[in-house]
């Protein structure tokens, strides 16, 4: 990208290890497989925790449904 910059390893804006490098379908499947403890660990100190696991699962299900319709 034209204006992209490499983020420092400790940057709060860096993609979480759980999310980094995954395509949408793989990530959606991984999210649906999460239990509450794994969700809390993966998104500790992240705004994603506001959505809660149920909301994230709902969104992951929509992603999979949309991909199936393609």
C-alpha atoms as a PDB file:
ATOM      1  CA  UNK A   1       0.000   0.000   0.000  1.00  0.00           C
ATOM      2  CA  UNK A   2       1.119   3.475  -0.749  1.00  0.00           C
ATOM      3  CA  UNK A   3       1.041   4.922   2.772  1.00  0.00           C
ATOM      4  CA  UNK A   4       1.338   1.756   4.843  1.00  0.00           C
ATOM      5  CA  UNK A   5       3.929   1.524   7.571  1.00  0.00           C
ATOM      6  CA  UNK A   6       5.238  -1.516   9.398  1.00  0.00           C
ATOM      7  CA  UNK A   7       3.877  -1.512  12.946  1.00  0.00           C
ATOM      8  CA  UNK A   8       6.068  -2.195  15.933  1.00  0.00           C
ATOM      9  CA  UNK A   9       5.613  -5.649  17.439  1.00  0.00           C
ATOM     10  CA  UNK A  10       4.134  -4.161  20.606  1.00  0.00           C
ATOM     11  CA  UNK A  11       1.717  -1.814  18.789  1.00  0.00           C
ATOM     12  CA  UNK A  12      -1.908  -1.955  19.987  1.00  0.00           C
ATOM     13  CA  UNK A  13      -2.948  -1.630  16.323  1.00  0.00           C
ATOM     14  CA  UNK A  14      -1.180  -4.807  15.195  1.00  0.00           C
ATOM     15  CA  UNK A  15      -3.438  -7.734  14.259  1.00  0.00           C
ATOM     16  CA  UNK A  16      -3.912 -10.255  17.023  1.00  0.00           C
ATOM     17  CA  UNK A  17      -2.145 -13.586  16.576  1.00  0.00           C
ATOM     18  CA  UNK A  18      -5.538 -15.316  16.435  1.00  0.00           C
ATOM     19  CA  UNK A  19      -6.589 -13.166  13.455  1.00  0.00           C
ATOM     20  CA  UNK A  20      -3.362 -12.452  11.560  1.00  0.00           C
ATOM     21  CA  UNK A  21      -2.948 -13.951   8.111  1.00  0.00           C
ATOM     22  CA  UNK A  22      -6.286 -15.786   7.941  1.00  0.00           C
ATOM     23  CA  UNK A  23      -8.829 -15.471   5.173  1.00  0.00           C
ATOM     24  CA  UNK A  24     -12.442 -14.660   6.122  1.00  0.00           C
ATOM     25  CA  UNK A  25     -13.772 -18.224   5.904  1.00  0.00           C
ATOM     26  CA  UNK A  26     -10.964 -19.729   7.978  1.00  0.00           C
ATOM     27  CA  UNK A  27     -11.299 -16.999  10.578  1.00  0.00           C
ATOM     28  CA  UNK A  28     -15.087 -17.437  10.737  1.00  0.00           C
ATOM     29  CA  UNK A  29     -14.707 -21.190  11.294  1.00  0.00           C
ATOM     30  CA  UNK A  30     -12.101 -20.593  13.995  1.00  0.00           C
ATOM     31  CA  UNK A  31     -14.386 -18.091  15.729  1.00  0.00           C
ATOM     32  CA  UNK A  32     -17.291 -20.544  15.725  1.00  0.00           C
ATOM     33  CA  UNK A  33     -15.021 -23.109  17.399  1.00  0.00           C
ATOM     34  CA  UNK A  34     -13.961 -20.752  20.216  1.00  0.00           C
ATOM     35  CA  UNK A  35     -15.102 -21.304  23.779  1.00  0.00           C
ATOM     36  CA  UNK A  36     -15.404 -18.430  26.254  1.00  0.00           C
ATOM     37  CA  UNK A  37     -11.945 -18.989  27.782  1.00  0.00           C
ATOM     38  CA  UNK A  38     -10.215 -19.017  24.388  1.00  0.00           C
ATOM     39  CA  UNK A  39     -12.154 -15.910  23.286  1.00  0.00           C
ATOM     40  CA  UNK A  40     -11.127 -14.061  26.447  1.00  0.00           C
ATOM     41  CA  UNK A  41      -7.482 -15.033  25.970  1.00  0.00           C
ATOM     42  CA  UNK A  42      -7.352 -14.222  22.243  1.00  0.00           C
ATOM     43  CA  UNK A  43      -8.978 -10.807  22.584  1.00  0.00           C
ATOM     44  CA  UNK A  44      -7.700  -9.715  25.990  1.00  0.00           C
ATOM     45  CA  UNK A  45      -7.555  -5.901  26.172  1.00  0.00           C
ATOM     46  CA  UNK A  46      -9.205  -5.631  22.752  1.00  0.00           C
ATOM     47  CA  UNK A  47     -12.307  -3.679  21.714  1.00  0.00           C
ATOM     48  CA  UNK A  48     -13.583  -6.930  20.173  1.00  0.00           C
ATOM     49  CA  UNK A  49     -14.493  -8.042  23.706  1.00  0.00           C
ATOM     50  CA  UNK A  50     -17.322  -5.452  23.656  1.00  0.00           C
ATOM     51  CA  UNK A  51     -19.060  -7.457  20.931  1.00  0.00           C
ATOM     52  CA  UNK A  52     -18.862 -10.532  23.159  1.00  0.00           C
ATOM     53  CA  UNK A  53     -18.469 -14.076  21.895  1.00  0.00           C
ATOM     54  CA  UNK A  54     -22.141 -14.435  20.912  1.00  0.00           C
ATOM     55  CA  UNK A  55     -21.986 -11.349  18.682  1.00  0.00           C
ATOM     56  CA  UNK A  56     -18.731 -12.444  17.097  1.00  0.00           C
ATOM     57  CA  UNK A  57     -20.193 -15.900  16.410  1.00  0.00           C
ATOM     58  CA  UNK A  58     -23.270 -14.294  14.822  1.00  0.00           C
ATOM     59  CA  UNK A  59     -21.034 -12.269  12.501  1.00  0.00           C
ATOM     60  CA  UNK A  60     -18.915 -15.335  11.670  1.00  0.00           C
ATOM     61  CA  UNK A  61     -22.061 -17.256  10.729  1.00  0.00           C
ATOM     62  CA  UNK A  62     -23.063 -14.422   8.367  1.00  0.00           C
ATOM     63  CA  UNK A  63     -19.633 -14.573   6.712  1.00  0.00           C
ATOM     64  CA  UNK A  64     -19.977 -18.320   6.120  1.00  0.00           C
ATOM     65  CA  UNK A  65     -23.529 -17.945   4.804  1.00  0.00           C
ATOM     66  CA  UNK A  66     -22.437 -15.182   2.413  1.00  0.00           C
ATOM     67  CA  UNK A  67     -19.512 -17.263   1.152  1.00  0.00           C
ATOM     68  CA  UNK A  68     -21.794 -20.264   0.582  1.00  0.00           C
ATOM     69  CA  UNK A  69     -24.077 -18.117  -1.595  1.00  0.00           C
ATOM     70  CA  UNK A  70     -21.248 -17.103  -3.940  1.00  0.00           C
END
